[in-house]
Amino acid sequence: MIIDSHAHVMLPIEKQILTMEEAGVDKTILFSTTPHPEKANDLKSLEKELSLLNNILANNNVIDERIKNIKRTTKELKEVIDKNPTKFIGFGQVPLSLTYNETADWINNNVVKNNFYGLGEFSPASGEVKSLEVIFNGSNELGHLPLWVHTFHPLNLYDIKELVELAKKYPKVPLILGHMGGIHWIDAIKFAKENSNVYLDLSAVYTTFAPTMAIKELPERTLFSSDAPYGSPKILRNMIEMISPNRRVFEKVMGENILNLLQI
């Protein structure tokens, strides 16, 4: 089974399903989203959508606004999955800056009860990675749900090291390094090799050396994903097919690894 382990809700959803079919993707792990760049038809409209993304990455929104937005996008995600249960499964967002009890209640009410399989995407600002500890703690107490964390810009190497330290503190909680550290991909591979609960997400890589080395060094903890609509499932699949050393490794990266992680 081919599984895209990270993509965002695209509208209309029929177009997203068609994109999956063109890429030979059987199932997609779907994350909620505020911006919809797939709706842009020119540079100006694209910039408008990406400004929403930049505000999220910069952590510019106040907590009440973030909570309201996460509730809205979680509802949208749940509706999409319920209408297409054979195509999608979900990861659920959790607001940062909540207390432990509030976080645990949120995970129970908005992730577990929605039958989502993991937590994320988390996009802390640089210098604020420690705010994720309450999420690690909540996951540790509520079934060891995987955490998917954006590790490209604006996070730097020091932030990623802090994130890995949290993974060491909670060794039963799987941590997926989204975009495998961006320009720090070599360090990300090293961190994953040293910590058995750390996984590498292959989306948004800027050089084929990164996924090539990740697959070579960690064929059982490397995950195919497109980050659609920001990436193309078909292009990413073709790339992995080209750089995989053999068919068996290709099958692991393209679906088996995430199936094993989520115990589906």
C-alpha atoms as a PDB file:
ATOM      1  CA  MET A   1       0.000   0.000   0.000  1.00  0.00           C
ATOM      2  CA  ILE A   2       1.267   3.459  -0.946  1.00  0.00           C
ATOM      3  CA  ILE A   3       0.636   6.009   1.809  1.00  0.00           C
ATOM      4  CA  ASP A   4       1.352   9.708   1.625  1.00  0.00           C
ATOM      5  CA  SER A   5       2.218  10.303   5.285  1.00  0.00           C
ATOM      6  CA  HIS A   6       1.735  14.073   5.289  1.00  0.00           C
ATOM      7  CA  ALA A   7      -0.590  16.290   3.261  1.00  0.00           C
ATOM      8  CA  HIS A   8      -3.041  19.081   4.012  1.00  0.00           C
ATOM      9  CA  VAL A   9      -6.718  19.409   3.187  1.00  0.00           C
ATOM     10  CA  MET A  10      -7.069  20.666  -0.389  1.00  0.00           C
ATOM     11  CA  LEU A  11     -10.231  22.162  -1.817  1.00  0.00           C
ATOM     12  CA  PRO A  12     -12.160  20.866  -3.584  1.00  0.00           C
ATOM     13  CA  ILE A  13     -11.378  17.498  -2.025  1.00  0.00           C
ATOM     14  CA  GLU A  14     -12.244  15.709  -5.279  1.00  0.00           C
ATOM     15  CA  LYS A  15      -9.197  17.339  -6.839  1.00  0.00           C
ATOM     16  CA  GLN A  16      -7.013  16.034  -4.025  1.00  0.00           C
ATOM     17  CA  ILE A  17      -8.323  12.509  -4.525  1.00  0.00           C
ATOM     18  CA  LEU A  18      -7.628  12.785  -8.256  1.00  0.00           C
ATOM     19  CA  THR A  19      -4.076  13.922  -7.470  1.00  0.00           C
ATOM     20  CA  MET A  20      -3.647  10.865  -5.253  1.00  0.00           C
ATOM     21  CA  GLU A  21      -4.952   8.540  -7.953  1.00  0.00           C
ATOM     22  CA  GLU A  22      -2.602  10.035 -10.543  1.00  0.00           C
ATOM     23  CA  ALA A  23       0.300   9.338  -8.184  1.00  0.00           C
ATOM     24  CA  GLY A  24      -0.863   5.816  -7.326  1.00  0.00           C
ATOM     25  CA  VAL A  25      -1.377   6.785  -3.668  1.00  0.00           C
ATOM     26  CA  ASP A  26      -3.835   4.522  -1.857  1.00  0.00           C
ATOM     27  CA  LYS A  27      -4.249   6.542   1.331  1.00  0.00           C
ATOM     28  CA  THR A  28      -3.166   9.925   2.681  1.00  0.00           C
ATOM     29  CA  ILE A  29      -2.570  11.026   6.241  1.00  0.00           C
ATOM     30  CA  LEU A  30      -4.347  14.338   6.242  1.00  0.00           C
ATOM     31  CA  PHE A  31      -3.579  17.396   8.350  1.00  0.00           C
ATOM     32  CA  SER A  32      -5.775  20.426   8.814  1.00  0.00           C
ATOM     33  CA  THR A  33      -4.827  23.751   7.291  1.00  0.00           C
ATOM     34  CA  THR A  34      -5.659  27.437   7.344  1.00  0.00           C
ATOM     35  CA  PRO A  35      -4.096  28.605   4.055  1.00  0.00           C
ATOM     36  CA  HIS A  36      -5.236  27.047   0.789  1.00  0.00           C
ATOM     37  CA  PRO A  37      -2.563  27.920  -1.800  1.00  0.00           C
ATOM     38  CA  GLU A  38      -4.112  25.439  -4.231  1.00  0.00           C
ATOM     39  CA  LYS A  39      -6.920  27.968  -4.747  1.00  0.00           C
ATOM     40  CA  ALA A  40      -4.538  30.710  -5.931  1.00  0.00           C
ATOM     41  CA  ASN A  41      -4.694  31.600  -9.628  1.00  0.00           C
ATOM     42  CA  ASP A  42      -2.003  34.279  -9.728  1.00  0.00           C
ATOM     43  CA  LEU A  43       0.954  35.563  -7.715  1.00  0.00           C
ATOM     44  CA  LYS A  44      -1.100  38.086  -5.747  1.00  0.00           C
ATOM     45  CA  SER A  45      -3.641  35.524  -4.556  1.00  0.00           C
ATOM     46  CA  LEU A  46      -0.836  33.076  -3.736  1.00  0.00           C
ATOM     47  CA  GLU A  47       0.914  35.706  -1.615  1.00  0.00           C
ATOM     48  CA  LYS A  48      -2.338  36.284   0.248  1.00  0.00           C
ATOM     49  CA  GLU A  49      -2.646  32.598   1.122  1.00  0.00           C
ATOM     50  CA  LEU A  50       1.023  32.278   2.057  1.00  0.00           C
ATOM     51  CA  SER A  51       0.779  35.291   4.358  1.00  0.00           C
ATOM     52  CA  LEU A  52      -1.562  33.162   6.479  1.00  0.00           C
ATOM     53  CA  LEU A  53       1.075  30.430   6.552  1.00  0.00           C
ATOM     54  CA  ASN A  54       3.810  32.892   7.483  1.00  0.00           C
ATOM     55  CA  ASN A  55       1.738  34.164  10.399  1.00  0.00           C
ATOM     56  CA  ILE A  56       1.362  30.599  11.658  1.00  0.00           C
ATOM     57  CA  LEU A  57       5.083  29.885  11.349  1.00  0.00           C
ATOM     58  CA  ALA A  58       5.908  33.150  13.081  1.00  0.00           C
ATOM     59  CA  ASN A  59       3.388  32.341  15.842  1.00  0.00           C
ATOM     60  CA  ASN A  60       1.825  35.784  15.416  1.00  0.00           C
ATOM     61  CA  ASN A  61      -1.753  34.887  16.342  1.00  0.00           C
ATOM     62  CA  VAL A  62      -3.002  35.229  19.921  1.00  0.00           C
ATOM     63  CA  ILE A  63      -3.993  32.027  21.708  1.00  0.00           C
ATOM     64  CA  ASP A  64      -7.775  32.639  21.573  1.00  0.00           C
ATOM     65  CA  GLU A  65      -7.591  33.211  17.835  1.00  0.00           C
ATOM     66  CA  ARG A  66      -5.462  30.079  17.365  1.00  0.00           C
ATOM     67  CA  ILE A  67      -7.889  27.948  19.374  1.00  0.00           C
ATOM     68  CA  LYS A  68     -10.858  29.217  17.392  1.00  0.00           C
ATOM     69  CA  ASN A  69      -9.063  28.542  14.109  1.00  0.00           C
ATOM     70  CA  ILE A  70      -7.914  25.054  15.145  1.00  0.00           C
ATOM     71  CA  LYS A  71     -11.463  24.099  16.123  1.00  0.00           C
ATOM     72  CA  ARG A  72     -12.724  25.257  12.722  1.00  0.00           C
ATOM     73  CA  THR A  73     -10.051  23.459  10.700  1.00  0.00           C
ATOM     74  CA  THR A  74     -10.361  20.308  12.835  1.00  0.00           C
ATOM     75  CA  LYS A  75     -14.075  20.193  12.056  1.00  0.00           C
ATOM     76  CA  GLU A  76     -13.275  20.584   8.352  1.00  0.00           C
ATOM     77  CA  LEU A  77     -10.696  17.774   8.550  1.00  0.00           C
ATOM     78  CA  LYS A  78     -13.112  15.434  10.333  1.00  0.00           C
ATOM     79  CA  GLU A  79     -15.823  16.062   7.745  1.00  0.00           C
ATOM     80  CA  VAL A  80     -13.449  15.297   4.870  1.00  0.00           C
ATOM     81  CA  ILE A  81     -12.297  12.041   6.473  1.00  0.00           C
ATOM     82  CA  ASP A  82     -15.829  10.933   7.348  1.00  0.00           C
ATOM     83  CA  LYS A  83     -16.884  11.423   3.724  1.00  0.00           C
ATOM     84  CA  ASN A  84     -13.816   9.583   2.375  1.00  0.00           C
ATOM     85  CA  PRO A  85     -12.850   6.991   5.010  1.00  0.00           C
ATOM     86  CA  THR A  86     -11.009   4.724   2.570  1.00  0.00           C
ATOM     87  CA  LYS A  87      -8.815   7.562   1.318  1.00  0.00           C
ATOM     88  CA  PHE A  88      -7.824   9.518   4.424  1.00  0.00           C
ATOM     89  CA  ILE A  89      -6.861   9.219   8.061  1.00  0.00           C
ATOM     90  CA  GLY A  90      -6.080  12.213  10.249  1.00  0.00           C
ATOM     91  CA  PHE A  91      -3.615  13.840  12.583  1.00  0.00           C
ATOM     92  CA  GLY A  92      -5.082  16.417  14.962  1.00  0.00           C
ATOM     93  CA  GLN A  93      -3.763  19.836  15.896  1.00  0.00           C
ATOM     94  CA  VAL A  94      -3.350  20.868  19.524  1.00  0.00           C
ATOM     95  CA  PRO A  95      -2.928  24.493  20.619  1.00  0.00           C
ATOM     96  CA  LEU A  96       0.311  25.334  22.382  1.00  0.00           C
ATOM     97  CA  SER A  97       0.341  27.448  25.577  1.00  0.00           C
ATOM     98  CA  LEU A  98      -2.322  25.300  27.294  1.00  0.00           C
ATOM     99  CA  THR A  99      -1.795  23.712  30.714  1.00  0.00           C
ATOM    100  CA  TYR A 100      -1.208  19.969  30.945  1.00  0.00           C
ATOM    101  CA  ASN A 101      -4.800  19.268  32.008  1.00  0.00           C
ATOM    102  CA  GLU A 102      -6.156  21.479  29.216  1.00  0.00           C
ATOM    103  CA  THR A 103      -3.855  19.751  26.718  1.00  0.00           C
ATOM    104  CA  ALA A 104      -4.917  16.281  27.869  1.00  0.00           C
ATOM    105  CA  ASP A 105      -8.583  17.245  27.608  1.00  0.00           C
ATOM    106  CA  TRP A 106      -8.010  18.683  24.130  1.00  0.00           C
ATOM    107  CA  ILE A 107      -6.244  15.533  22.917  1.00  0.00           C
ATOM    108  CA  ASN A 108      -9.057  13.363  24.281  1.00  0.00           C
ATOM    109  CA  ASN A 109     -11.873  15.491  22.862  1.00  0.00           C
ATOM    110  CA  ASN A 110     -10.406  16.590  19.538  1.00  0.00           C
ATOM    111  CA  VAL A 111      -7.958  13.832  18.577  1.00  0.00           C
ATOM    112  CA  VAL A 112      -8.815  10.530  20.262  1.00  0.00           C
ATOM    113  CA  LYS A 113     -12.592  10.934  19.942  1.00  0.00           C
ATOM    114  CA  ASN A 114     -12.181  11.908  16.294  1.00  0.00           C
ATOM    115  CA  ASN A 115     -10.233   8.673  15.667  1.00  0.00           C
ATOM    116  CA  PHE A 116      -7.156  10.600  14.546  1.00  0.00           C
ATOM    117  CA  TYR A 117      -3.862   8.710  14.635  1.00  0.00           C
ATOM    118  CA  GLY A 118      -1.386  11.388  15.677  1.00  0.00           C
ATOM    119  CA  LEU A 119      -0.707  14.954  16.742  1.00  0.00           C
ATOM    120  CA  GLY A 120       0.347  17.848  14.555  1.00  0.00           C
ATOM    121  CA  GLU A 121       1.414  19.666  12.573  1.00  0.00           C
ATOM    122  CA  PHE A 122       3.250  21.694  15.224  1.00  0.00           C
ATOM    123  CA  SER A 123       5.073  24.834  14.109  1.00  0.00           C
ATOM    124  CA  PRO A 124       6.662  26.475  17.153  1.00  0.00           C
ATOM    125  CA  ALA A 125       8.619  29.670  16.697  1.00  0.00           C
ATOM    126  CA  SER A 126      12.375  29.581  17.071  1.00  0.00           C
ATOM    127  CA  GLY A 127      13.257  29.576  20.741  1.00  0.00           C
ATOM    128  CA  GLU A 128       9.893  28.120  21.769  1.00  0.00           C
ATOM    129  CA  VAL A 129      10.416  24.392  21.201  1.00  0.00           C
ATOM    130  CA  LYS A 130      10.219  23.717  24.940  1.00  0.00           C
ATOM    131  CA  SER A 131       6.526  24.624  24.775  1.00  0.00           C
ATOM    132  CA  LEU A 132       6.070  21.230  23.098  1.00  0.00           C
ATOM    133  CA  GLU A 133       6.929  19.350  26.278  1.00  0.00           C
ATOM    134  CA  VAL A 134       3.308  19.479  27.437  1.00  0.00           C
ATOM    135  CA  ILE A 135       2.380  17.779  24.142  1.00  0.00           C
ATOM    136  CA  PHE A 136       5.009  15.067  24.625  1.00  0.00           C
ATOM    137  CA  ASN A 137       3.765  14.558  28.169  1.00  0.00           C
ATOM    138  CA  GLY A 138       0.153  14.347  27.016  1.00  0.00           C
ATOM    139  CA  SER A 139       1.009  11.841  24.309  1.00  0.00           C
ATOM    140  CA  ASN A 140       3.040   9.797  26.763  1.00  0.00           C
ATOM    141  CA  GLU A 141       0.011   9.468  29.031  1.00  0.00           C
ATOM    142  CA  LEU A 142      -2.597   9.024  26.293  1.00  0.00           C
ATOM    143  CA  GLY A 143      -1.348   6.195  24.106  1.00  0.00           C
ATOM    144  CA  HIS A 144       1.966   7.435  22.677  1.00  0.00           C
ATOM    145  CA  LEU A 145       0.476   9.233  19.701  1.00  0.00           C
ATOM    146  CA  PRO A 146       3.166  10.338  17.198  1.00  0.00           C
ATOM    147  CA  LEU A 147       4.083  14.017  17.052  1.00  0.00           C
ATOM    148  CA  TRP A 148       4.694  15.677  13.669  1.00  0.00           C
ATOM    149  CA  VAL A 149       6.814  18.813  14.048  1.00  0.00           C
ATOM    150  CA  HIS A 150       7.775  21.303  11.324  1.00  0.00           C
ATOM    151  CA  THR A 151      11.603  21.474  11.466  1.00  0.00           C
ATOM    152  CA  PHE A 152      12.280  23.705   8.476  1.00  0.00           C
ATOM    153  CA  HIS A 153      12.562  27.507   8.775  1.00  0.00           C
ATOM    154  CA  PRO A 154      12.054  29.259  11.185  1.00  0.00           C
ATOM    155  CA  LEU A 155      13.590  26.558  13.404  1.00  0.00           C
ATOM    156  CA  ASN A 156      17.376  26.455  13.555  1.00  0.00           C
ATOM    157  CA  LEU A 157      19.782  23.702  14.537  1.00  0.00           C
ATOM    158  CA  TYR A 158      19.643  24.632  18.219  1.00  0.00           C
ATOM    159  CA  ASP A 159      15.836  24.351  18.143  1.00  0.00           C
ATOM    160  CA  ILE A 160      16.031  20.930  16.505  1.00  0.00           C
ATOM    161  CA  LYS A 161      18.510  19.763  19.141  1.00  0.00           C
ATOM    162  CA  GLU A 162      16.071  20.886  21.849  1.00  0.00           C
ATOM    163  CA  LEU A 163      13.312  18.968  20.110  1.00  0.00           C
ATOM    164  CA  VAL A 164      15.411  15.809  20.018  1.00  0.00           C
ATOM    165  CA  GLU A 165      16.177  16.231  23.724  1.00  0.00           C
ATOM    166  CA  LEU A 166      12.430  16.098  24.360  1.00  0.00           C
ATOM    167  CA  ALA A 167      12.267  12.903  22.303  1.00  0.00           C
ATOM    168  CA  LYS A 168      15.005  11.449  24.513  1.00  0.00           C
ATOM    169  CA  LYS A 169      13.054  12.415  27.623  1.00  0.00           C
ATOM    170  CA  TYR A 170       9.932  10.668  26.271  1.00  0.00           C
ATOM    171  CA  PRO A 171      11.370   7.623  24.452  1.00  0.00           C
ATOM    172  CA  LYS A 172       7.986   5.962  23.945  1.00  0.00           C
ATOM    173  CA  VAL A 173       6.592   8.956  22.042  1.00  0.00           C
ATOM    174  CA  PRO A 174       7.387   8.819  18.301  1.00  0.00           C
ATOM    175  CA  LEU A 175       8.685  12.092  16.898  1.00  0.00           C
ATOM    176  CA  ILE A 176       8.503  12.811  13.163  1.00  0.00           C
ATOM    177  CA  LEU A 177      10.971  15.471  12.037  1.00  0.00           C
ATOM    178  CA  GLY A 178       8.892  17.224   9.391  1.00  0.00           C
ATOM    179  CA  HIS A 179      10.935  18.161   6.311  1.00  0.00           C
ATOM    180  CA  MET A 180      13.867  16.344   7.972  1.00  0.00           C
ATOM    181  CA  GLY A 181      15.436  19.481   9.383  1.00  0.00           C
ATOM    182  CA  GLY A 182      15.548  21.583   6.235  1.00  0.00           C
ATOM    183  CA  ILE A 183      19.135  22.735   5.669  1.00  0.00           C
ATOM    184  CA  HIS A 184      20.104  20.758   8.773  1.00  0.00           C
ATOM    185  CA  TRP A 185      19.205  17.426   7.175  1.00  0.00           C
ATOM    186  CA  ILE A 186      22.571  15.795   7.882  1.00  0.00           C
ATOM    187  CA  ASP A 187      22.145  16.510  11.595  1.00  0.00           C
ATOM    188  CA  ALA A 188      18.544  15.295  11.412  1.00  0.00           C
ATOM    189  CA  ILE A 189      19.703  11.947  10.032  1.00  0.00           C
ATOM    190  CA  LYS A 190      22.313  11.667  12.788  1.00  0.00           C
ATOM    191  CA  PHE A 191      19.747  12.494  15.478  1.00  0.00           C
ATOM    192  CA  ALA A 192      17.370   9.863  14.104  1.00  0.00           C
ATOM    193  CA  LYS A 193      20.108   7.235  13.997  1.00  0.00           C
ATOM    194  CA  GLU A 194      20.857   7.912  17.656  1.00  0.00           C
ATOM    195  CA  ASN A 195      17.229   7.825  18.815  1.00  0.00           C
ATOM    196  CA  SER A 196      14.935   4.956  17.866  1.00  0.00           C
ATOM    197  CA  ASN A 197      11.738   7.001  18.380  1.00  0.00           C
ATOM    198  CA  VAL A 198      12.732   9.653  15.811  1.00  0.00           C
ATOM    199  CA  TYR A 199      11.454   9.403  12.213  1.00  0.00           C
ATOM    200  CA  LEU A 200      12.342  11.380   9.083  1.00  0.00           C
ATOM    201  CA  ASP A 201       9.724  12.998   6.860  1.00  0.00           C
ATOM    202  CA  LEU A 202      10.873  13.419   3.245  1.00  0.00           C
ATOM    203  CA  SER A 203       8.705  16.338   2.151  1.00  0.00           C
ATOM    204  CA  ALA A 204      10.086  19.753   1.118  1.00  0.00           C
ATOM    205  CA  VAL A 205      13.667  18.546   0.689  1.00  0.00           C
ATOM    206  CA  TYR A 206      15.760  20.894  -1.438  1.00  0.00           C
ATOM    207  CA  THR A 207      18.400  18.380  -2.564  1.00  0.00           C
ATOM    208  CA  THR A 208      18.086  14.726  -3.542  1.00  0.00           C
ATOM    209  CA  PHE A 209      21.146  13.972  -1.402  1.00  0.00           C
ATOM    210  CA  ALA A 210      18.939  14.399   1.684  1.00  0.00           C
ATOM    211  CA  PRO A 211      16.331  11.683   0.969  1.00  0.00           C
ATOM    212  CA  THR A 212      18.964   9.458  -0.640  1.00  0.00           C
ATOM    213  CA  MET A 213      21.058   9.430   2.540  1.00  0.00           C
ATOM    214  CA  ALA A 214      18.004   9.167   4.795  1.00  0.00           C
ATOM    215  CA  ILE A 215      16.752   6.101   2.957  1.00  0.00           C
ATOM    216  CA  LYS A 216      20.204   4.540   2.922  1.00  0.00           C
ATOM    217  CA  GLU A 217      20.872   5.117   6.622  1.00  0.00           C
ATOM    218  CA  LEU A 218      17.360   4.575   8.024  1.00  0.00           C
ATOM    219  CA  PRO A 219      15.213   2.605   5.555  1.00  0.00           C
ATOM    220  CA  GLU A 220      12.768   1.611   8.320  1.00  0.00           C
ATOM    221  CA  ARG A 221      12.232   5.097   9.802  1.00  0.00           C
ATOM    222  CA  THR A 222      11.995   7.219   6.677  1.00  0.00           C
ATOM    223  CA  LEU A 223       8.541   8.303   5.492  1.00  0.00           C
ATOM    224  CA  PHE A 224       7.251   9.248   2.052  1.00  0.00           C
ATOM    225  CA  SER A 225       5.162  12.395   2.136  1.00  0.00           C
ATOM    226  CA  SER A 226       4.258  15.171  -0.265  1.00  0.00           C
ATOM    227  CA  ASP A 227       3.149  18.040   2.026  1.00  0.00           C
ATOM    228  CA  ALA A 228       0.515  18.655  -0.661  1.00  0.00           C
ATOM    229  CA  PRO A 229      -0.498  21.185  -1.871  1.00  0.00           C
ATOM    230  CA  TYR A 230       3.049  22.466  -1.341  1.00  0.00           C
ATOM    231  CA  GLY A 231       4.481  19.358  -2.994  1.00  0.00           C
ATOM    232  CA  SER A 232       3.403  16.855  -5.621  1.00  0.00           C
ATOM    233  CA  PRO A 233       2.727  13.239  -4.555  1.00  0.00           C
ATOM    234  CA  LYS A 234       3.564  12.031  -8.062  1.00  0.00           C
ATOM    235  CA  ILE A 235       6.881  13.866  -8.261  1.00  0.00           C
ATOM    236  CA  LEU A 236       7.903  12.765  -4.755  1.00  0.00           C
ATOM    237  CA  ARG A 237       6.948   9.166  -5.519  1.00  0.00           C
ATOM    238  CA  ASN A 238       9.004   9.215  -8.716  1.00  0.00           C
ATOM    239  CA  MET A 239      11.979  10.640  -6.851  1.00  0.00           C
ATOM    240  CA  ILE A 240      11.862   7.962  -4.151  1.00  0.00           C
ATOM    241  CA  GLU A 241      11.496   5.263  -6.782  1.00  0.00           C
ATOM    242  CA  MET A 242      14.625   6.550  -8.505  1.00  0.00           C
ATOM    243  CA  ILE A 243      16.789   6.824  -5.377  1.00  0.00           C
ATOM    244  CA  SER A 244      15.663   3.666  -3.544  1.00  0.00           C
ATOM    245  CA  PRO A 245      18.348   0.958  -3.663  1.00  0.00           C
ATOM    246  CA  ASN A 246      15.796  -1.796  -4.300  1.00  0.00           C
ATOM    247  CA  ARG A 247      12.056  -2.496  -4.448  1.00  0.00           C
ATOM    248  CA  ARG A 248      11.899  -3.766  -0.873  1.00  0.00           C
ATOM    249  CA  VAL A 249      13.242  -0.521   0.554  1.00  0.00           C
ATOM    250  CA  PHE A 250      10.925   1.455  -1.726  1.00  0.00           C
ATOM    251  CA  GLU A 251       7.916  -0.414  -0.311  1.00  0.00           C
ATOM    252  CA  LYS A 252       9.001   0.308   3.248  1.00  0.00           C
ATOM    253  CA  VAL A 253       9.489   4.027   2.684  1.00  0.00           C
ATOM    254  CA  MET A 254       6.334   4.405   0.609  1.00  0.00           C
ATOM    255  CA  GLY A 255       3.943   2.904   3.125  1.00  0.00           C
ATOM    256  CA  GLU A 256       5.083   0.071   5.362  1.00  0.00           C
ATOM    257  CA  ASN A 257       7.017   2.289   7.751  1.00  0.00           C
ATOM    258  CA  ILE A 258       4.115   4.595   8.519  1.00  0.00           C
ATOM    259  CA  LEU A 259       1.735   1.614   8.805  1.00  0.00           C
ATOM    260  CA  ASN A 260       4.032   0.058  11.382  1.00  0.00           C
ATOM    261  CA  LEU A 261       4.407   3.337  13.248  1.00  0.00           C
ATOM    262  CA  LEU A 262       0.656   3.908  13.482  1.00  0.00           C
ATOM    263  CA  GLN A 263      -0.069   0.194  13.995  1.00  0.00           C
ATOM    264  CA  ILE A 264      -2.830   0.260  11.410  1.00  0.00           C
END
